[in-house]
């Protein structure tokens, strides 16, 4: 089985956005949901998975994450809302 890498966007209820990359999306989302993410996500209660995409190439995932992090907030919102217009927590039933 091929290893997958995930670029993801987490958000708080007030729509503070965090973009990340992980080789283990479920584990990483669980960490964010249980205040074991980074300082920023803890501080702003960023614990809802609102967008993600995957690839089997780690360098593509890292490049995609860096590109998204460089985007304006408006462009990130557009990306999220193309697939998830109501900002639903895509991992709501994972755990």
Protein backbone atom coordinates (compact mmCIF):
# COMPACT_ATOMS: atom_id res chain seq x y z
CA UNK A 1 0.00 0.00 0.00
CA UNK A 2 1.31 3.38 -1.00
CA UNK A 3 1.96 6.03 1.67
CA UNK A 4 -0.31 9.06 1.43
CA UNK A 5 0.45 12.63 2.48
CA UNK A 6 -2.28 15.07 3.32
CA UNK A 7 -2.45 18.84 3.05
CA UNK A 8 -5.20 20.09 5.32
CA UNK A 9 -6.88 23.19 6.67
CA UNK A 10 -8.23 23.35 10.20
CA UNK A 11 -10.43 26.17 11.45
CA UNK A 12 -11.95 27.42 14.66
CA UNK A 13 -15.67 28.16 15.02
CA UNK A 14 -14.79 31.83 14.48
CA UNK A 15 -12.94 30.78 11.30
CA UNK A 16 -9.33 31.25 12.34
CA UNK A 17 -7.46 29.14 9.74
CA UNK A 18 -4.44 26.84 10.06
CA UNK A 19 -2.84 24.98 7.14
CA UNK A 20 -0.74 21.88 7.70
CA UNK A 21 0.67 18.72 6.13
CA UNK A 22 0.80 15.22 7.59
CA UNK A 23 1.51 11.64 6.64
CA UNK A 24 -1.11 10.54 9.18
CA UNK A 25 -4.13 12.80 8.81
CA UNK A 26 -6.42 11.05 11.29
CA UNK A 27 -3.79 11.10 14.02
CA UNK A 28 -2.92 14.75 13.34
CA UNK A 29 -6.57 15.84 13.38
CA UNK A 30 -7.07 13.95 16.65
CA UNK A 31 -4.12 15.89 18.11
CA UNK A 32 -5.66 19.21 17.04
CA UNK A 33 -9.02 18.21 18.48
CA UNK A 34 -7.42 17.25 21.80
CA UNK A 35 -5.25 20.36 22.23
CA UNK A 36 -2.07 18.51 21.29
CA UNK A 37 -1.47 20.51 18.12
CA UNK A 38 0.84 23.48 17.99
CA UNK A 39 0.75 26.66 20.08
CA UNK A 40 -1.26 28.58 17.45
CA UNK A 41 -4.01 25.96 17.14
CA UNK A 42 -4.33 25.65 20.93
CA UNK A 43 -4.44 29.43 21.42
CA UNK A 44 -7.23 29.93 18.87
CA UNK A 45 -9.07 26.62 19.41
CA UNK A 46 -8.48 25.55 15.82
CA UNK A 47 -9.96 22.06 15.93
CA UNK A 48 -12.26 21.56 12.93
CA UNK A 49 -11.06 19.93 9.72
CA UNK A 50 -12.59 22.03 6.93
CA UNK A 51 -10.54 21.00 3.88
CA UNK A 52 -7.97 18.41 2.86
CA UNK A 53 -6.38 16.85 -0.17
CA UNK A 54 -3.88 14.04 -0.54
CA UNK A 55 -1.02 12.82 -2.68
CA UNK A 56 1.45 9.96 -2.60
CA UNK A 57 4.38 12.38 -3.04
CA UNK A 58 5.65 14.07 0.13
CA UNK A 59 7.44 16.84 -1.75
CA UNK A 60 4.24 17.76 -3.61
CA UNK A 61 2.35 17.85 -0.30
CA UNK A 62 4.94 20.12 1.31
CA UNK A 63 5.00 22.42 -1.72
CA UNK A 64 1.18 22.61 -1.76
CA UNK A 65 1.14 23.45 1.97
CA UNK A 66 3.71 26.24 1.48
CA UNK A 67 1.77 27.61 -1.49
CA UNK A 68 -1.52 27.70 0.44
CA UNK A 69 0.16 29.31 3.46
CA UNK A 70 1.32 32.11 1.14
CA UNK A 71 -2.16 32.79 -0.18
CA UNK A 72 -4.42 35.58 0.99
CA UNK A 73 -7.12 34.75 3.49
CA UNK A 74 -9.74 35.32 0.76
CA UNK A 75 -8.11 32.74 -1.52
CA UNK A 76 -7.97 30.18 1.33
CA UNK A 77 -11.64 30.79 2.08
CA UNK A 78 -12.48 30.28 -1.59
CA UNK A 79 -10.61 26.94 -1.57
CA UNK A 80 -12.48 25.76 1.53
CA UNK A 81 -15.89 26.89 0.31
CA UNK A 82 -15.55 25.26 -3.12
CA UNK A 83 -15.92 21.86 -1.40
CA UNK A 84 -17.28 22.80 2.01
CA UNK A 85 -19.46 25.94 1.76
CA UNK A 86 -20.75 25.69 5.34
CA UNK A 87 -17.34 24.96 6.90
CA UNK A 88 -18.56 21.63 8.29
CA UNK A 89 -16.09 19.63 10.36
CA UNK A 90 -15.10 16.90 7.91
CA UNK A 91 -13.71 14.80 10.77
CA UNK A 92 -16.77 15.16 13.01
CA UNK A 93 -17.47 11.41 13.00
CA UNK A 94 -13.93 10.09 12.80
CA UNK A 95 -13.40 9.38 16.48
